């Protein structure tokens, strides 16, 4: 089993070029796509609880991977369930 040390962080830009740093909580492969559960980086625990977890989907556009919101409600619900199960499993392993 691979050891994981520390958190993974990514920086994304919106359409206006504004950058956001996100902490990746977990990554999941589902139906041929990669999904990331993220929160804004640097939040205190109480702030993170208020914000909640965002789920982003990695898709390819013009040959480049981009992250986007999951728009299909059924897809979002299925991925959310899998990600939350994984996060709870990881927390119980600690």
C-alpha atoms as a PDB file:
ATOM      1  CA  UNK A   1       0.000   0.000   0.000  1.00  0.00           C
ATOM      2  CA  UNK A   2       1.399   3.400  -0.958  1.00  0.00           C
ATOM      3  CA  UNK A   3       2.110   5.895   1.797  1.00  0.00           C
ATOM      4  CA  UNK A   4       0.683   9.381   1.374  1.00  0.00           C
ATOM      5  CA  UNK A   5       2.360  12.305   3.074  1.00  0.00           C
ATOM      6  CA  UNK A   6       0.722  15.709   3.290  1.00  0.00           C
ATOM      7  CA  UNK A   7      -1.860  17.251   1.040  1.00  0.00           C
ATOM      8  CA  UNK A   8      -1.959  17.769  -2.706  1.00  0.00           C
ATOM      9  CA  UNK A   9      -2.652  21.278  -3.983  1.00  0.00           C
ATOM     10  CA  UNK A  10      -3.594  22.540  -7.434  1.00  0.00           C
ATOM     11  CA  UNK A  11      -4.030  26.030  -8.845  1.00  0.00           C
ATOM     12  CA  UNK A  12      -6.833  26.649 -11.306  1.00  0.00           C
ATOM     13  CA  UNK A  13      -7.850  29.738 -13.265  1.00  0.00           C
ATOM     14  CA  UNK A  14     -11.376  30.827 -14.088  1.00  0.00           C
ATOM     15  CA  UNK A  15     -12.498  32.369 -17.392  1.00  0.00           C
ATOM     16  CA  UNK A  16     -11.399  35.815 -16.174  1.00  0.00           C
ATOM     17  CA  UNK A  17      -7.886  34.594 -15.367  1.00  0.00           C
ATOM     18  CA  UNK A  18      -8.374  34.743 -11.583  1.00  0.00           C
ATOM     19  CA  UNK A  19      -6.386  31.973  -9.891  1.00  0.00           C
ATOM     20  CA  UNK A  20      -7.575  29.798  -7.022  1.00  0.00           C
ATOM     21  CA  UNK A  21      -5.528  27.355  -4.977  1.00  0.00           C
ATOM     22  CA  UNK A  22      -7.388  24.197  -4.028  1.00  0.00           C
ATOM     23  CA  UNK A  23      -6.541  21.336  -1.712  1.00  0.00           C
ATOM     24  CA  UNK A  24      -7.293  17.964  -3.287  1.00  0.00           C
ATOM     25  CA  UNK A  25      -8.909  15.704  -0.707  1.00  0.00           C
ATOM     26  CA  UNK A  26      -9.178  12.668  -2.955  1.00  0.00           C
ATOM     27  CA  UNK A  27      -9.253  11.623  -6.594  1.00  0.00           C
ATOM     28  CA  UNK A  28     -11.590   9.049  -8.134  1.00  0.00           C
ATOM     29  CA  UNK A  29     -11.815   7.278 -11.498  1.00  0.00           C
ATOM     30  CA  UNK A  30     -15.434   6.644 -12.515  1.00  0.00           C
ATOM     31  CA  UNK A  31     -16.948   5.800 -15.930  1.00  0.00           C
ATOM     32  CA  UNK A  32     -13.754   6.748 -17.735  1.00  0.00           C
ATOM     33  CA  UNK A  33     -13.378  10.170 -16.119  1.00  0.00           C
ATOM     34  CA  UNK A  34     -11.312  11.509 -13.228  1.00  0.00           C
ATOM     35  CA  UNK A  35     -13.082  13.404 -10.452  1.00  0.00           C
ATOM     36  CA  UNK A  36     -11.467  15.485  -7.718  1.00  0.00           C
ATOM     37  CA  UNK A  37     -12.927  16.370  -4.326  1.00  0.00           C
ATOM     38  CA  UNK A  38     -11.503  19.779  -3.420  1.00  0.00           C
ATOM     39  CA  UNK A  39     -11.744  22.608  -0.911  1.00  0.00           C
ATOM     40  CA  UNK A  40     -10.126  26.051  -1.071  1.00  0.00           C
ATOM     41  CA  UNK A  41      -6.567  25.853   0.279  1.00  0.00           C
ATOM     42  CA  UNK A  42      -5.701  27.377   3.622  1.00  0.00           C
ATOM     43  CA  UNK A  43      -9.105  27.154   5.282  1.00  0.00           C
ATOM     44  CA  UNK A  44      -9.469  26.565   8.988  1.00  0.00           C
ATOM     45  CA  UNK A  45     -11.492  23.471   9.883  1.00  0.00           C
ATOM     46  CA  UNK A  46     -14.628  25.505  10.710  1.00  0.00           C
ATOM     47  CA  UNK A  47     -14.388  27.386   7.396  1.00  0.00           C
ATOM     48  CA  UNK A  48     -13.920  24.137   5.472  1.00  0.00           C
ATOM     49  CA  UNK A  49     -17.036  22.713   7.138  1.00  0.00           C
ATOM     50  CA  UNK A  50     -19.037  25.792   6.051  1.00  0.00           C
ATOM     51  CA  UNK A  51     -17.734  25.653   2.461  1.00  0.00           C
ATOM     52  CA  UNK A  52     -18.167  21.939   1.973  1.00  0.00           C
ATOM     53  CA  UNK A  53     -16.470  19.788  -0.617  1.00  0.00           C
ATOM     54  CA  UNK A  54     -16.603  20.679  -4.321  1.00  0.00           C
ATOM     55  CA  UNK A  55     -16.418  17.943  -6.941  1.00  0.00           C
ATOM     56  CA  UNK A  56     -14.687  18.725 -10.224  1.00  0.00           C
ATOM     57  CA  UNK A  57     -14.543  16.557 -13.333  1.00  0.00           C
ATOM     58  CA  UNK A  58     -11.461  16.369 -15.547  1.00  0.00           C
ATOM     59  CA  UNK A  59     -12.380  16.537 -19.231  1.00  0.00           C
ATOM     60  CA  UNK A  60     -10.302  17.062 -22.337  1.00  0.00           C
ATOM     61  CA  UNK A  61     -10.864  20.204 -24.377  1.00  0.00           C
ATOM     62  CA  UNK A  62      -8.719  20.988 -27.428  1.00  0.00           C
ATOM     63  CA  UNK A  63      -6.349  18.227 -26.328  1.00  0.00           C
ATOM     64  CA  UNK A  64      -5.846  19.785 -22.875  1.00  0.00           C
ATOM     65  CA  UNK A  65      -7.270  18.496 -19.588  1.00  0.00           C
ATOM     66  CA  UNK A  66      -9.534  20.995 -17.833  1.00  0.00           C
ATOM     67  CA  UNK A  67     -11.527  20.821 -14.613  1.00  0.00           C
ATOM     68  CA  UNK A  68     -15.208  21.651 -14.711  1.00  0.00           C
ATOM     69  CA  UNK A  69     -18.298  21.391 -12.547  1.00  0.00           C
ATOM     70  CA  UNK A  70     -20.404  18.239 -12.816  1.00  0.00           C
ATOM     71  CA  UNK A  71     -23.686  19.397 -14.351  1.00  0.00           C
ATOM     72  CA  UNK A  72     -25.631  16.119 -14.507  1.00  0.00           C
ATOM     73  CA  UNK A  73     -27.415  15.613 -11.158  1.00  0.00           C
ATOM     74  CA  UNK A  74     -27.380  11.802 -11.322  1.00  0.00           C
ATOM     75  CA  UNK A  75     -23.674  11.749 -12.189  1.00  0.00           C
ATOM     76  CA  UNK A  76     -22.932  14.208  -9.373  1.00  0.00           C
ATOM     77  CA  UNK A  77     -24.917  12.167  -6.859  1.00  0.00           C
ATOM     78  CA  UNK A  78     -23.183   8.907  -7.845  1.00  0.00           C
ATOM     79  CA  UNK A  79     -19.698  10.450  -7.734  1.00  0.00           C
ATOM     80  CA  UNK A  80     -20.452  12.284  -4.480  1.00  0.00           C
ATOM     81  CA  UNK A  81     -21.502   9.028  -2.818  1.00  0.00           C
ATOM     82  CA  UNK A  82     -18.337   7.237  -3.980  1.00  0.00           C
ATOM     83  CA  UNK A  83     -16.075  10.108  -2.921  1.00  0.00           C
ATOM     84  CA  UNK A  84     -17.691  10.493   0.510  1.00  0.00           C
ATOM     85  CA  UNK A  85     -17.405   6.731   1.080  1.00  0.00           C
ATOM     86  CA  UNK A  86     -13.716   6.933   0.171  1.00  0.00           C
ATOM     87  CA  UNK A  87     -13.091   9.953   2.430  1.00  0.00           C
ATOM     88  CA  UNK A  88     -14.815   8.263   5.384  1.00  0.00           C
ATOM     89  CA  UNK A  89     -12.855   5.067   4.707  1.00  0.00           C
ATOM     90  CA  UNK A  90      -9.560   6.997   4.622  1.00  0.00           C
ATOM     91  CA  UNK A  91     -10.479   8.805   7.848  1.00  0.00           C
ATOM     92  CA  UNK A  92     -11.263   5.538   9.631  1.00  0.00           C
ATOM     93  CA  UNK A  93      -7.923   4.056   8.482  1.00  0.00           C
ATOM     94  CA  UNK A  94      -6.054   6.843  10.307  1.00  0.00           C
END
